[in-house]
Every structure is written in C-alpha cells, then in structure tokens.
Amino acid sequence: MENYTQTSTDFILLGLFPPSRIDTRLHTPMYFLLSQLSLIDLNYISTIVPKMASNFVFGNKSISFIGCGFQSFFFLTLGGAEALLLTSMAYDRYVAICFPLHYPIRMSKKVCVLMITGSWIMGSINSCAHTVYALHIPYCRSRSINHFFCDVPAMLTLACMDTWVYEYTVFVSTTLFLVFPFIGIACSYGRVLLAICCMHSTEGRKRAYSTCSTHLTVVTLYYVPFAYTYLRPRSLRSPAEDKVLAVFYTILTPMLNPIIYSLRNKEVMGALRRMIQRISF
C-alpha cells in the first residue's frame, strides 16, 4: 500500500496491475519489434475506422481538405512503416534460426532501434511526398471520392490534369516498399525452411515452424492485397474491388495481428496467464 497522509482527502488508485516487472521472457528483439507492430496497427485502425464508422452512423460523409490530407499522410506513413517493419521481423527470425550464435550481435538493441527508426522515417518521407503532391494538384471534377478513406489513387481520378507521371511514382514506391521487401522475406524464409529441415530437435523444429508460419500469415494478408491494388494501372482498377482489398490491409490485418501472434505464441500466452493470475490473486 502506498504511503499517504491521514489529513488528505484524495483517493489513491492502485491500478489494474500489481506492481511487478514485465515478464523477462518477452525481453527479446522479436517482441520489441512486435510491440512496434502493435503500435502501428493501433494507429492504423485509429486513422481509418473512426471516420468510416462516423460516416456510416451519422450519414455525414464529408471530410475537410486538410482532414483528408492528414488521413492520407498517416495512412501512407503507417503503411510504409509496417511494410519495412515486417521485413525487419523476417530478418530477425532468419538470424535467430540460421545464425543463432551471431544473434546477440546482429540483433542487438542498437540494431533494433535503427530498424524501427528507419522504418518510421522512410515511411514518413514517402508519405509526405505523395500527400503534398495530392494536395497541390487541381481538382475540377466531382469531389466525391469513391472509397471509404482518402486514398491518393482514388483522389487522382478527380484531377483535371494528366497524372501519369505521379502514377509512375506510385508504382516505384510500391515496388520499393512492398515488392522488394516481400521478395526479401520470401528468400529469407526459404533459407529458414532449409535450416529447419536440418534441425535434429523435434521440439526446435516445431517451435521454428510455429513462429515462421505466424509471420508468413501476417505478411501474406498484408502485402498481397496492398501490392495487387497499387501495382495495377488505372485502366485495370475497379473502385469496388479496391475497397474490398483495402479492408484487408486497413482493418482486418491490424485487427488479426495481435490475435495471430498471441494465440500462436507460447511465450505470449504464458505471460498473459501469469499476469491474469497475479491480478486474480
């Protein structure tokens, strides 16, 4: 019980959790990166879903010009940061399984911080360039965006100028942030699978398969719809199809990530059980 004075009229809130240190089993680079992924997913949903839900409930579908710019900026920043962070997580598993003795050096705390910082910075720079361009082009057609958020390619259909140059930059950005990382992840997991097949420990093989399959599930749900949407030329795109695909990388994947990583991870479930026991008793 915290110290307090008898003359004070203030109450003391002891909080939900008992005073204790965070589970030491989760003090590893993988969970450090996973905490950043959870932060990105939380902000991802907060950027898109509240406005979409408000539009549906109250019927007011308008959004200010500045508000649209902010939504587009945060969406692209978070999208780029998550794509690069998933690549860092794949590299973490690659080093942990293929080079376990080098893991403390290759995945030191400094390296993790650099990976996370670089993901946020590169995502922000890419987002700033696309958002500034989108806000400075003239719009002379209808202001009705056929989407449930301010997606820049959907906004370009309303422009009264030729935007083929910008569409080419979208293709380049998508290649840099989605295609190349996805190829890198696929190659790293190819090496990981070979290393797993050579393991003598059945328990080690089982644990490695569980960890890698979890990450591959997240990567597939995120990269494939995203890349398929932004790599297609405008002539082959359909607004209805784009909205369905956008649901995967803006709503479903951020919602499913915590569930997928928690239910498929013994350390996370064990830490959760121990925390519940401390609260209950």
C-alpha atoms as a PDB file:
ATOM      1  CA  MET A   1       0.000   0.000   0.000  1.00  0.00           C
ATOM      2  CA  GLU A   2       1.333   3.414  -0.952  1.00  0.00           C
ATOM      3  CA  ASN A   3       2.078   5.918   1.835  1.00  0.00           C
ATOM      4  CA  TYR A   4      -0.486   8.624   2.324  1.00  0.00           C
ATOM      5  CA  THR A   5      -1.358  11.277   4.886  1.00  0.00           C
ATOM      6  CA  GLN A   6      -4.374  10.924   7.128  1.00  0.00           C
ATOM      7  CA  THR A   7      -5.346  14.552   6.502  1.00  0.00           C
ATOM      8  CA  SER A   8      -5.542  14.150   2.709  1.00  0.00           C
ATOM      9  CA  THR A   9      -8.973  13.815   1.124  1.00  0.00           C
ATOM     10  CA  ASP A  10      -7.586  12.368  -2.084  1.00  0.00           C
ATOM     11  CA  PHE A  11      -8.027   8.719  -3.031  1.00  0.00           C
ATOM     12  CA  ILE A  12      -5.177   6.551  -4.271  1.00  0.00           C
ATOM     13  CA  LEU A  13      -5.729   4.384  -7.345  1.00  0.00           C
ATOM     14  CA  LEU A  14      -3.617   1.231  -7.131  1.00  0.00           C
ATOM     15  CA  GLY A  15      -4.199   0.445 -10.795  1.00  0.00           C
ATOM     16  CA  LEU A  16      -5.231  -2.639 -12.700  1.00  0.00           C
ATOM     17  CA  PHE A  17      -1.925  -4.463 -12.494  1.00  0.00           C
ATOM     18  CA  PRO A  18       0.011  -5.273  -9.310  1.00  0.00           C
ATOM     19  CA  PRO A  19       3.433  -3.608  -9.035  1.00  0.00           C
ATOM     20  CA  SER A  20       5.816  -6.017 -10.775  1.00  0.00           C
ATOM     21  CA  ARG A  21       8.365  -6.148 -13.573  1.00  0.00           C
ATOM     22  CA  ILE A  22       7.373  -7.076 -17.097  1.00  0.00           C
ATOM     23  CA  ASP A  23       7.885 -10.732 -17.922  1.00  0.00           C
ATOM     24  CA  THR A  24      11.596 -11.199 -18.731  1.00  0.00           C
ATOM     25  CA  ARG A  25      10.809 -13.889 -21.336  1.00  0.00           C
ATOM     26  CA  LEU A  26       9.486 -11.112 -23.573  1.00  0.00           C
ATOM     27  CA  HIS A  27      12.692  -9.034 -23.364  1.00  0.00           C
ATOM     28  CA  THR A  28      13.940 -10.122 -26.785  1.00  0.00           C
ATOM     29  CA  PRO A  29      14.310  -8.308 -30.139  1.00  0.00           C
ATOM     30  CA  MET A  30      11.376 -10.252 -31.623  1.00  0.00           C
ATOM     31  CA  TYR A  31       8.950  -8.944 -29.002  1.00  0.00           C
ATOM     32  CA  PHE A  32      10.457  -5.463 -29.203  1.00  0.00           C
ATOM     33  CA  LEU A  33       9.646  -5.432 -32.924  1.00  0.00           C
ATOM     34  CA  LEU A  34       6.254  -6.987 -32.214  1.00  0.00           C
ATOM     35  CA  SER A  35       5.410  -4.167 -29.794  1.00  0.00           C
ATOM     36  CA  GLN A  36       6.102  -1.666 -32.577  1.00  0.00           C
ATOM     37  CA  LEU A  37       3.890  -3.648 -34.959  1.00  0.00           C
ATOM     38  CA  SER A  38       1.080  -3.482 -32.392  1.00  0.00           C
ATOM     39  CA  LEU A  39       1.575   0.282 -32.066  1.00  0.00           C
ATOM     40  CA  ILE A  40       1.403   0.722 -35.841  1.00  0.00           C
ATOM     41  CA  ASP A  41      -1.717  -1.448 -36.114  1.00  0.00           C
ATOM     42  CA  LEU A  42      -3.445   0.502 -33.333  1.00  0.00           C
ATOM     43  CA  ASN A  43      -2.751   3.792 -35.103  1.00  0.00           C
ATOM     44  CA  TYR A  44      -3.682   2.252 -38.452  1.00  0.00           C
ATOM     45  CA  ILE A  45      -7.187   1.420 -37.244  1.00  0.00           C
ATOM     46  CA  SER A  46      -7.475   4.790 -35.475  1.00  0.00           C
ATOM     47  CA  THR A  47      -6.693   6.591 -38.733  1.00  0.00           C
ATOM     48  CA  ILE A  48      -9.348   4.880 -40.852  1.00  0.00           C
ATOM     49  CA  VAL A  49     -12.087   3.238 -38.787  1.00  0.00           C
ATOM     50  CA  PRO A  50     -13.416   6.126 -36.576  1.00  0.00           C
ATOM     51  CA  LYS A  51     -14.167   8.364 -39.558  1.00  0.00           C
ATOM     52  CA  MET A  52     -15.636   5.456 -41.544  1.00  0.00           C
ATOM     53  CA  ALA A  53     -17.860   4.473 -38.610  1.00  0.00           C
ATOM     54  CA  SER A  54     -18.939   8.087 -38.099  1.00  0.00           C
ATOM     55  CA  ASN A  55     -19.899   8.376 -41.756  1.00  0.00           C
ATOM     56  CA  PHE A  56     -21.960   5.188 -41.523  1.00  0.00           C
ATOM     57  CA  VAL A  57     -23.734   6.041 -38.259  1.00  0.00           C
ATOM     58  CA  PHE A  58     -24.449   9.738 -38.750  1.00  0.00           C
ATOM     59  CA  GLY A  59     -24.632   9.823 -42.546  1.00  0.00           C
ATOM     60  CA  ASN A  60     -22.252  12.788 -42.785  1.00  0.00           C
ATOM     61  CA  LYS A  61     -19.767  11.630 -45.409  1.00  0.00           C
ATOM     62  CA  SER A  62     -17.883  14.903 -45.851  1.00  0.00           C
ATOM     63  CA  ILE A  63     -14.256  15.405 -44.832  1.00  0.00           C
ATOM     64  CA  SER A  64     -12.318  18.645 -44.947  1.00  0.00           C
ATOM     65  CA  PHE A  65      -9.481  19.177 -47.414  1.00  0.00           C
ATOM     66  CA  ILE A  66      -6.936  19.365 -44.584  1.00  0.00           C
ATOM     67  CA  GLY A  67      -8.536  16.405 -42.811  1.00  0.00           C
ATOM     68  CA  CYS A  68      -8.235  14.356 -45.982  1.00  0.00           C
ATOM     69  CA  GLY A  69      -4.563  15.331 -46.227  1.00  0.00           C
ATOM     70  CA  PHE A  70      -3.868  14.290 -42.636  1.00  0.00           C
ATOM     71  CA  GLN A  71      -5.665  10.970 -43.074  1.00  0.00           C
ATOM     72  CA  SER A  72      -3.737  10.250 -46.263  1.00  0.00           C
ATOM     73  CA  PHE A  73      -0.413  11.187 -44.643  1.00  0.00           C
ATOM     74  CA  PHE A  74      -0.874   8.984 -41.578  1.00  0.00           C
ATOM     75  CA  PHE A  75      -2.212   6.089 -43.665  1.00  0.00           C
ATOM     76  CA  LEU A  76       0.785   6.112 -46.004  1.00  0.00           C
ATOM     77  CA  THR A  77       3.269   6.632 -43.152  1.00  0.00           C
ATOM     78  CA  LEU A  78       1.895   3.709 -41.172  1.00  0.00           C
ATOM     79  CA  GLY A  79       1.583   1.546 -44.276  1.00  0.00           C
ATOM     80  CA  GLY A  80       5.190   2.114 -45.299  1.00  0.00           C
ATOM     81  CA  ALA A  81       6.491   1.704 -41.743  1.00  0.00           C
ATOM     82  CA  GLU A  82       4.631  -1.596 -41.293  1.00  0.00           C
ATOM     83  CA  ALA A  83       5.917  -2.972 -44.596  1.00  0.00           C
ATOM     84  CA  LEU A  84       9.518  -2.271 -43.580  1.00  0.00           C
ATOM     85  CA  LEU A  85       8.961  -3.472 -40.017  1.00  0.00           C
ATOM     86  CA  LEU A  86       7.644  -6.824 -41.240  1.00  0.00           C
ATOM     87  CA  THR A  87      10.867  -7.128 -43.242  1.00  0.00           C
ATOM     88  CA  SER A  88      12.881  -6.470 -40.081  1.00  0.00           C
ATOM     89  CA  MET A  89      10.900  -9.167 -38.268  1.00  0.00           C
ATOM     90  CA  ALA A  90      11.660 -11.629 -41.061  1.00  0.00           C
ATOM     91  CA  TYR A  91      15.368 -10.788 -40.770  1.00  0.00           C
ATOM     92  CA  ASP A  92      15.143 -11.336 -37.008  1.00  0.00           C
ATOM     93  CA  ARG A  93      13.753 -14.871 -37.489  1.00  0.00           C
ATOM     94  CA  TYR A  94      16.297 -15.558 -40.242  1.00  0.00           C
ATOM     95  CA  VAL A  95      19.240 -14.674 -37.978  1.00  0.00           C
ATOM     96  CA  ALA A  96      17.740 -16.448 -34.948  1.00  0.00           C
ATOM     97  CA  ILE A  97      17.311 -19.752 -36.821  1.00  0.00           C
ATOM     98  CA  CYS A  98      20.146 -19.723 -39.360  1.00  0.00           C
ATOM     99  CA  PHE A  99      22.833 -17.945 -37.275  1.00  0.00           C
ATOM    100  CA  PRO A 100      21.872 -18.458 -33.622  1.00  0.00           C
ATOM    101  CA  LEU A 101      25.403 -17.818 -32.318  1.00  0.00           C
ATOM    102  CA  HIS A 102      25.553 -14.448 -34.092  1.00  0.00           C
ATOM    103  CA  TYR A 103      22.066 -13.411 -32.974  1.00  0.00           C
ATOM    104  CA  PRO A 104      23.094 -11.232 -29.969  1.00  0.00           C
ATOM    105  CA  ILE A 105      25.394  -9.208 -32.233  1.00  0.00           C
ATOM    106  CA  ARG A 106      23.297  -8.977 -35.403  1.00  0.00           C
ATOM    107  CA  MET A 107      20.097  -8.223 -33.474  1.00  0.00           C
ATOM    108  CA  SER A 108      21.428  -6.056 -30.677  1.00  0.00           C
ATOM    109  CA  LYS A 109      19.290  -3.371 -29.083  1.00  0.00           C
ATOM    110  CA  LYS A 110      21.045  -0.728 -31.184  1.00  0.00           C
ATOM    111  CA  VAL A 111      20.252  -2.609 -34.408  1.00  0.00           C
ATOM    112  CA  CYS A 112      16.588  -2.970 -33.373  1.00  0.00           C
ATOM    113  CA  VAL A 113      16.304   0.754 -32.653  1.00  0.00           C
ATOM    114  CA  LEU A 114      17.882   1.580 -36.019  1.00  0.00           C
ATOM    115  CA  MET A 115      15.466  -0.764 -37.813  1.00  0.00           C
ATOM    116  CA  ILE A 116      12.424   0.757 -36.115  1.00  0.00           C
ATOM    117  CA  THR A 117      13.600   4.345 -36.541  1.00  0.00           C
ATOM    118  CA  GLY A 118      14.455   3.752 -40.185  1.00  0.00           C
ATOM    119  CA  SER A 119      11.021   2.234 -40.847  1.00  0.00           C
ATOM    120  CA  TRP A 120       9.237   5.265 -39.399  1.00  0.00           C
ATOM    121  CA  ILE A 121      11.491   7.813 -41.130  1.00  0.00           C
ATOM    122  CA  MET A 122      11.326   6.193 -44.569  1.00  0.00           C
ATOM    123  CA  GLY A 123       7.584   5.714 -44.271  1.00  0.00           C
ATOM    124  CA  SER A 124       7.147   9.388 -43.301  1.00  0.00           C
ATOM    125  CA  ILE A 125       9.298  10.694 -46.164  1.00  0.00           C
ATOM    126  CA  ASN A 126       7.449   8.597 -48.738  1.00  0.00           C
ATOM    127  CA  SER A 127       4.088   9.612 -47.282  1.00  0.00           C
ATOM    128  CA  CYS A 128       4.973  13.307 -47.196  1.00  0.00           C
ATOM    129  CA  ALA A 129       5.966  13.299 -50.881  1.00  0.00           C
ATOM    130  CA  HIS A 130       2.744  11.606 -52.003  1.00  0.00           C
ATOM    131  CA  THR A 131       0.462  13.663 -49.761  1.00  0.00           C
ATOM    132  CA  VAL A 132       1.988  17.021 -50.758  1.00  0.00           C
ATOM    133  CA  TYR A 133       1.571  16.146 -54.428  1.00  0.00           C
ATOM    134  CA  ALA A 134      -2.033  15.047 -53.937  1.00  0.00           C
ATOM    135  CA  LEU A 135      -2.934  18.267 -52.121  1.00  0.00           C
ATOM    136  CA  HIS A 136      -1.396  20.517 -54.782  1.00  0.00           C
ATOM    137  CA  ILE A 137      -2.994  19.121 -57.924  1.00  0.00           C
ATOM    138  CA  PRO A 138      -6.135  20.878 -59.216  1.00  0.00           C
ATOM    139  CA  TYR A 139      -9.468  19.110 -58.726  1.00  0.00           C
ATOM    140  CA  CYS A 140     -12.107  20.247 -61.189  1.00  0.00           C
ATOM    141  CA  ARG A 141     -14.468  17.262 -61.237  1.00  0.00           C
ATOM    142  CA  SER A 142     -16.796  15.929 -58.573  1.00  0.00           C
ATOM    143  CA  ARG A 143     -15.402  15.929 -55.028  1.00  0.00           C
ATOM    144  CA  SER A 144     -16.933  12.515 -54.312  1.00  0.00           C
ATOM    145  CA  ILE A 145     -14.102  10.039 -53.597  1.00  0.00           C
ATOM    146  CA  ASN A 146     -15.242   6.507 -54.408  1.00  0.00           C
ATOM    147  CA  HIS A 147     -13.582   4.984 -51.339  1.00  0.00           C
ATOM    148  CA  PHE A 148     -14.056   4.777 -47.559  1.00  0.00           C
ATOM    149  CA  PHE A 149     -10.911   6.838 -46.805  1.00  0.00           C
ATOM    150  CA  CYS A 150      -8.715   9.389 -48.567  1.00  0.00           C
ATOM    151  CA  ASP A 151      -6.703   7.034 -50.725  1.00  0.00           C
ATOM    152  CA  VAL A 152      -4.463   9.083 -53.033  1.00  0.00           C
ATOM    153  CA  PRO A 153      -5.004   6.964 -56.198  1.00  0.00           C
ATOM    154  CA  ALA A 154      -8.772   7.282 -55.674  1.00  0.00           C
ATOM    155  CA  MET A 155      -8.375  11.048 -55.325  1.00  0.00           C
ATOM    156  CA  LEU A 156      -6.429  11.252 -58.596  1.00  0.00           C
ATOM    157  CA  THR A 157      -9.486  10.180 -60.580  1.00  0.00           C
ATOM    158  CA  LEU A 158     -10.956  13.591 -59.707  1.00  0.00           C
ATOM    159  CA  ALA A 159      -7.956  15.561 -61.004  1.00  0.00           C
ATOM    160  CA  CYS A 160      -8.296  17.764 -64.081  1.00  0.00           C
ATOM    161  CA  MET A 161      -4.731  17.155 -65.268  1.00  0.00           C
ATOM    162  CA  ASP A 162      -2.761  14.235 -66.605  1.00  0.00           C
ATOM    163  CA  THR A 163      -1.318  12.310 -63.646  1.00  0.00           C
ATOM    164  CA  TRP A 164       0.606   9.584 -65.465  1.00  0.00           C
ATOM    165  CA  VAL A 165       3.917  10.808 -64.009  1.00  0.00           C
ATOM    166  CA  TYR A 166       2.577  10.521 -60.487  1.00  0.00           C
ATOM    167  CA  GLU A 167       1.098   7.090 -61.218  1.00  0.00           C
ATOM    168  CA  TYR A 168       4.591   6.010 -62.217  1.00  0.00           C
ATOM    169  CA  THR A 169       5.953   7.244 -58.847  1.00  0.00           C
ATOM    170  CA  VAL A 170       3.217   5.220 -57.097  1.00  0.00           C
ATOM    171  CA  PHE A 171       4.437   2.160 -58.989  1.00  0.00           C
ATOM    172  CA  VAL A 172       8.039   2.886 -57.936  1.00  0.00           C
ATOM    173  CA  SER A 173       7.065   3.427 -54.283  1.00  0.00           C
ATOM    174  CA  THR A 174       5.012   0.240 -54.240  1.00  0.00           C
ATOM    175  CA  THR A 175       7.949  -1.676 -55.678  1.00  0.00           C
ATOM    176  CA  LEU A 176      10.365  -0.258 -53.094  1.00  0.00           C
ATOM    177  CA  PHE A 177       8.097  -0.637 -50.061  1.00  0.00           C
ATOM    178  CA  LEU A 178       6.192  -3.808 -50.943  1.00  0.00           C
ATOM    179  CA  VAL A 179       7.659  -5.863 -53.792  1.00  0.00           C
ATOM    180  CA  PHE A 180      11.351  -5.778 -52.808  1.00  0.00           C
ATOM    181  CA  PRO A 181      10.633  -6.387 -49.098  1.00  0.00           C
ATOM    182  CA  PHE A 182       8.290  -9.247 -49.989  1.00  0.00           C
ATOM    183  CA  ILE A 183      10.974 -10.839 -52.183  1.00  0.00           C
ATOM    184  CA  GLY A 184      13.483 -10.406 -49.353  1.00  0.00           C
ATOM    185  CA  ILE A 185      11.084 -12.027 -46.883  1.00  0.00           C
ATOM    186  CA  ALA A 186      10.412 -14.934 -49.247  1.00  0.00           C
ATOM    187  CA  CYS A 187      14.146 -15.540 -49.771  1.00  0.00           C
ATOM    188  CA  SER A 188      14.901 -15.353 -46.039  1.00  0.00           C
ATOM    189  CA  TYR A 189      12.164 -17.847 -45.234  1.00  0.00           C
ATOM    190  CA  GLY A 190      13.403 -20.134 -47.968  1.00  0.00           C
ATOM    191  CA  ARG A 191      16.723 -20.258 -46.101  1.00  0.00           C
ATOM    192  CA  VAL A 192      14.890 -20.647 -42.801  1.00  0.00           C
ATOM    193  CA  LEU A 193      12.914 -23.658 -44.069  1.00  0.00           C
ATOM    194  CA  LEU A 194      16.140 -25.322 -45.212  1.00  0.00           C
ATOM    195  CA  ALA A 195      17.668 -24.712 -41.786  1.00  0.00           C
ATOM    196  CA  ILE A 196      14.570 -26.093 -40.048  1.00  0.00           C
ATOM    197  CA  CYS A 197      14.699 -29.276 -42.106  1.00  0.00           C
ATOM    198  CA  CYS A 198      18.272 -29.836 -40.915  1.00  0.00           C
ATOM    199  CA  MET A 199      17.393 -29.456 -37.222  1.00  0.00           C
ATOM    200  CA  HIS A 200      17.792 -32.586 -35.099  1.00  0.00           C
ATOM    201  CA  SER A 201      15.487 -31.409 -32.309  1.00  0.00           C
ATOM    202  CA  THR A 202      11.822 -32.145 -32.960  1.00  0.00           C
ATOM    203  CA  GLU A 203      10.771 -29.507 -30.421  1.00  0.00           C
ATOM    204  CA  GLY A 204      13.059 -26.943 -32.050  1.00  0.00           C
ATOM    205  CA  ARG A 205      11.618 -27.719 -35.486  1.00  0.00           C
ATOM    206  CA  LYS A 206       8.068 -27.438 -34.179  1.00  0.00           C
ATOM    207  CA  ARG A 207       8.744 -24.107 -32.477  1.00  0.00           C
ATOM    208  CA  ALA A 208      10.503 -22.666 -35.528  1.00  0.00           C
ATOM    209  CA  TYR A 209       7.656 -23.742 -37.834  1.00  0.00           C
ATOM    210  CA  SER A 210       5.114 -22.138 -35.488  1.00  0.00           C
ATOM    211  CA  THR A 211       6.950 -18.816 -35.326  1.00  0.00           C
ATOM    212  CA  CYS A 212       7.611 -18.628 -39.066  1.00  0.00           C
ATOM    213  CA  SER A 213       4.119 -19.697 -40.135  1.00  0.00           C
ATOM    214  CA  THR A 214       2.656 -16.982 -37.922  1.00  0.00           C
ATOM    215  CA  HIS A 215       4.784 -14.301 -39.536  1.00  0.00           C
ATOM    216  CA  LEU A 216       4.131 -15.589 -43.055  1.00  0.00           C
ATOM    217  CA  THR A 217       0.373 -15.447 -42.398  1.00  0.00           C
ATOM    218  CA  VAL A 218       0.611 -11.789 -41.393  1.00  0.00           C
ATOM    219  CA  VAL A 219       2.878 -10.954 -44.339  1.00  0.00           C
ATOM    220  CA  THR A 220       0.544 -12.591 -46.869  1.00  0.00           C
ATOM    221  CA  LEU A 221      -2.575 -10.868 -45.518  1.00  0.00           C
ATOM    222  CA  TYR A 222      -0.821  -7.503 -45.642  1.00  0.00           C
ATOM    223  CA  TYR A 223       1.432  -7.467 -48.704  1.00  0.00           C
ATOM    224  CA  VAL A 224      -0.642  -9.303 -51.303  1.00  0.00           C
ATOM    225  CA  PRO A 225      -3.820  -7.120 -51.271  1.00  0.00           C
ATOM    226  CA  PHE A 226      -1.729  -3.954 -50.874  1.00  0.00           C
ATOM    227  CA  ALA A 227       0.611  -4.735 -53.772  1.00  0.00           C
ATOM    228  CA  TYR A 228      -2.178  -6.013 -56.021  1.00  0.00           C
ATOM    229  CA  THR A 229      -4.080  -2.759 -55.512  1.00  0.00           C
ATOM    230  CA  TYR A 230      -1.253  -0.302 -56.146  1.00  0.00           C
ATOM    231  CA  LEU A 231       0.682  -2.113 -58.874  1.00  0.00           C
ATOM    232  CA  ARG A 232      -2.221  -2.257 -61.300  1.00  0.00           C
ATOM    233  CA  PRO A 233      -2.629   0.565 -63.829  1.00  0.00           C
ATOM    234  CA  ARG A 234      -5.714   2.745 -63.513  1.00  0.00           C
ATOM    235  CA  SER A 235      -7.343   1.141 -66.557  1.00  0.00           C
ATOM    236  CA  LEU A 236      -7.441  -2.228 -64.790  1.00  0.00           C
ATOM    237  CA  ARG A 237      -8.627  -0.960 -61.422  1.00  0.00           C
ATOM    238  CA  SER A 238     -12.172  -1.111 -60.123  1.00  0.00           C
ATOM    239  CA  PRO A 239     -13.360   1.129 -57.227  1.00  0.00           C
ATOM    240  CA  ALA A 240     -15.479  -1.683 -55.780  1.00  0.00           C
ATOM    241  CA  GLU A 241     -12.585  -4.139 -55.919  1.00  0.00           C
ATOM    242  CA  ASP A 242     -10.163  -1.585 -54.441  1.00  0.00           C
ATOM    243  CA  LYS A 243     -12.457  -1.033 -51.464  1.00  0.00           C
ATOM    244  CA  VAL A 244     -12.756  -4.753 -50.769  1.00  0.00           C
ATOM    245  CA  LEU A 245      -8.975  -5.214 -50.942  1.00  0.00           C
ATOM    246  CA  ALA A 246      -8.418  -2.141 -48.756  1.00  0.00           C
ATOM    247  CA  VAL A 247     -10.464  -3.751 -45.990  1.00  0.00           C
ATOM    248  CA  PHE A 248      -7.763  -6.424 -45.680  1.00  0.00           C
ATOM    249  CA  TYR A 249      -4.772  -4.106 -45.139  1.00  0.00           C
ATOM    250  CA  THR A 250      -6.548  -1.296 -43.279  1.00  0.00           C
ATOM    251  CA  ILE A 251      -8.934  -3.173 -40.955  1.00  0.00           C
ATOM    252  CA  LEU A 252      -8.676  -6.977 -40.961  1.00  0.00           C
ATOM    253  CA  THR A 253      -4.892  -7.349 -40.795  1.00  0.00           C
ATOM    254  CA  PRO A 254      -4.386  -4.783 -37.972  1.00  0.00           C
ATOM    255  CA  MET A 255      -7.199  -6.460 -36.025  1.00  0.00           C
ATOM    256  CA  LEU A 256      -5.946 -10.003 -36.597  1.00  0.00           C
ATOM    257  CA  ASN A 257      -2.247  -9.388 -35.944  1.00  0.00           C
ATOM    258  CA  PRO A 258      -2.496  -9.362 -32.118  1.00  0.00           C
ATOM    259  CA  ILE A 259      -4.725 -12.453 -32.196  1.00  0.00           C
ATOM    260  CA  ILE A 260      -2.467 -14.348 -34.590  1.00  0.00           C
ATOM    261  CA  TYR A 261       0.723 -13.542 -32.708  1.00  0.00           C
ATOM    262  CA  SER A 262      -0.793 -14.200 -29.280  1.00  0.00           C
ATOM    263  CA  LEU A 263      -2.662 -17.439 -29.893  1.00  0.00           C
ATOM    264  CA  ARG A 264       0.235 -18.964 -31.866  1.00  0.00           C
ATOM    265  CA  ASN A 265       2.928 -17.919 -29.368  1.00  0.00           C
ATOM    266  CA  LYS A 266       3.560 -19.871 -26.166  1.00  0.00           C
ATOM    267  CA  GLU A 267       5.634 -17.111 -24.525  1.00  0.00           C
ATOM    268  CA  VAL A 268       2.909 -14.503 -25.018  1.00  0.00           C
ATOM    269  CA  MET A 269       0.156 -16.824 -23.796  1.00  0.00           C
ATOM    270  CA  GLY A 270       2.275 -17.867 -20.811  1.00  0.00           C
ATOM    271  CA  ALA A 271       2.973 -14.250 -19.870  1.00  0.00           C
ATOM    272  CA  LEU A 272      -0.731 -13.437 -20.227  1.00  0.00           C
ATOM    273  CA  ARG A 273      -1.719 -16.330 -17.938  1.00  0.00           C
ATOM    274  CA  ARG A 274       0.808 -15.294 -15.303  1.00  0.00           C
ATOM    275  CA  MET A 275      -0.404 -11.695 -15.445  1.00  0.00           C
ATOM    276  CA  ILE A 276      -4.048 -12.801 -15.010  1.00  0.00           C
ATOM    277  CA  GLN A 277      -3.043 -14.954 -12.047  1.00  0.00           C
ATOM    278  CA  ARG A 278      -1.300 -12.023 -10.379  1.00  0.00           C
ATOM    279  CA  ILE A 279      -4.369  -9.833 -10.881  1.00  0.00           C
ATOM    280  CA  SER A 280      -6.764 -12.509  -9.622  1.00  0.00           C
ATOM    281  CA  PHE A 281      -4.793 -13.405  -6.531  1.00  0.00           C
END
